[in-house]
Amino acid sequence: MPRVPSAAAAHIGARIREARESSAMTQDQLAVGSDIDSSNIRAYEMGRALPNLLSLVRIASTLKTPAGYFLEGVTVEMFPTQTTDRRRRAG
């Protein structure tokens, strides 16, 4: 789980918070329902951490929200860029 704040993490966190509040659920209730530590839920909502795919699906399931909802509006530009990418690219 990346600990580097990014615009993507902030956007996804805001969508999680919005869905949770619409469901009248507390962070602790979401944590229990999704089997994710409540400190992680807080970090996601504050944009300090980016949930991995499994966590995002668990959160979506608990909130009865399509997982894609959290990714709507996310663009490549919202992620930090690495200055050195040593992987070979096909082509």
Protein backbone atom coordinates (compact mmCIF):
# COMPACT_ATOMS: atom_id res chain seq x y z
CA MET A 1 0.00 0.00 0.00
CA PRO A 2 1.66 3.23 -1.11
CA ARG A 3 2.12 5.79 1.65
CA VAL A 4 2.82 8.64 -0.75
CA PRO A 5 -0.06 11.09 -0.93
CA SER A 6 -1.34 11.65 -4.44
CA ALA A 7 -4.27 13.33 -6.11
CA ALA A 8 -5.57 9.83 -6.90
CA ALA A 9 -5.46 8.80 -3.24
CA ALA A 10 -7.25 11.99 -2.22
CA HIS A 11 -9.93 11.51 -4.89
CA ILE A 12 -10.56 7.85 -4.04
CA GLY A 13 -10.56 8.65 -0.31
CA ALA A 14 -13.14 11.38 -0.79
CA ARG A 15 -15.34 8.95 -2.75
CA ILE A 16 -15.03 6.35 0.02
CA ARG A 17 -15.98 8.93 2.66
CA GLU A 18 -18.90 10.15 0.56
CA ALA A 19 -20.26 6.63 0.05
CA ARG A 20 -19.76 5.76 3.73
CA GLU A 21 -21.57 8.88 4.91
CA SER A 22 -24.40 8.25 2.42
CA SER A 23 -24.75 4.81 3.98
CA ALA A 24 -24.91 6.38 7.46
CA MET A 25 -21.96 4.23 8.49
CA THR A 26 -19.08 5.15 10.79
CA GLN A 27 -15.46 4.48 9.91
CA ASP A 28 -15.40 1.77 12.56
CA GLN A 29 -18.49 0.09 11.11
CA LEU A 30 -16.93 0.16 7.65
CA ALA A 31 -13.72 -1.29 9.07
CA VAL A 32 -15.55 -4.18 10.74
CA GLY A 33 -17.77 -4.85 7.72
CA SER A 34 -14.87 -4.84 5.26
CA ASP A 35 -12.38 -6.60 7.57
CA ILE A 36 -9.94 -3.71 7.16
CA ASP A 37 -8.24 -2.02 10.11
CA SER A 38 -9.97 1.24 11.05
CA SER A 39 -6.65 3.10 10.87
CA ASN A 40 -6.42 2.09 7.21
CA ILE A 41 -9.97 3.33 6.56
CA ARG A 42 -9.01 6.69 8.08
CA ALA A 43 -5.82 6.83 6.01
CA TYR A 44 -7.75 6.06 2.82
CA GLU A 45 -10.38 8.71 3.52
CA MET A 46 -7.73 11.32 4.29
CA GLY A 47 -5.83 10.50 1.10
CA ARG A 48 -2.73 9.42 3.02
CA ALA A 49 -2.85 5.89 1.59
CA LEU A 50 -4.18 4.28 -1.55
CA PRO A 51 -6.19 1.09 -1.01
CA ASN A 52 -5.16 -1.99 -2.96
CA LEU A 53 -7.69 -3.68 -5.23
CA LEU A 54 -8.84 -6.25 -2.65
CA SER A 55 -9.43 -3.54 -0.04
CA LEU A 56 -11.33 -1.41 -2.55
CA VAL A 57 -13.58 -4.35 -3.45
CA ARG A 58 -14.19 -5.13 0.24
CA ILE A 59 -15.09 -1.50 0.92
CA ALA A 60 -17.40 -1.41 -2.10
CA SER A 61 -19.12 -4.62 -1.04
CA THR A 62 -19.66 -3.36 2.51
CA LEU A 63 -21.06 -0.06 1.23
CA LYS A 64 -23.13 -1.84 -1.45
CA THR A 65 -21.49 0.40 -4.06
CA PRO A 66 -19.93 -0.67 -7.37
CA ALA A 67 -16.14 -0.72 -6.98
CA GLY A 68 -15.84 1.36 -10.15
CA TYR A 69 -17.56 4.26 -8.38
CA PHE A 70 -14.37 4.92 -6.41
CA LEU A 71 -12.29 5.11 -9.60
CA GLU A 72 -14.59 7.42 -11.56
CA GLY A 73 -12.67 10.55 -12.42
CA VAL A 74 -9.23 9.09 -11.66
CA THR A 75 -6.67 9.83 -14.37
CA VAL A 76 -3.07 8.79 -14.94
CA GLU A 77 -1.98 12.36 -14.24
CA MET A 78 -3.25 12.02 -10.65
CA PHE A 79 -0.48 9.56 -9.79
CA PRO A 80 3.06 10.62 -8.91
CA THR A 81 5.51 10.03 -11.73
CA GLN A 82 8.76 8.21 -11.29
CA THR A 83 11.80 9.90 -12.72
CA THR A 84 13.52 6.63 -13.56
CA ASP A 85 11.67 3.71 -15.04
CA ARG A 86 14.15 1.03 -15.96
CA ARG A 87 11.62 -1.49 -17.23
CA ARG A 88 11.82 -2.34 -20.89
CA ARG A 89 8.88 -1.30 -22.95
CA ALA A 90 7.52 -3.43 -25.76
CA GLY A 91 7.40 -1.86 -29.14
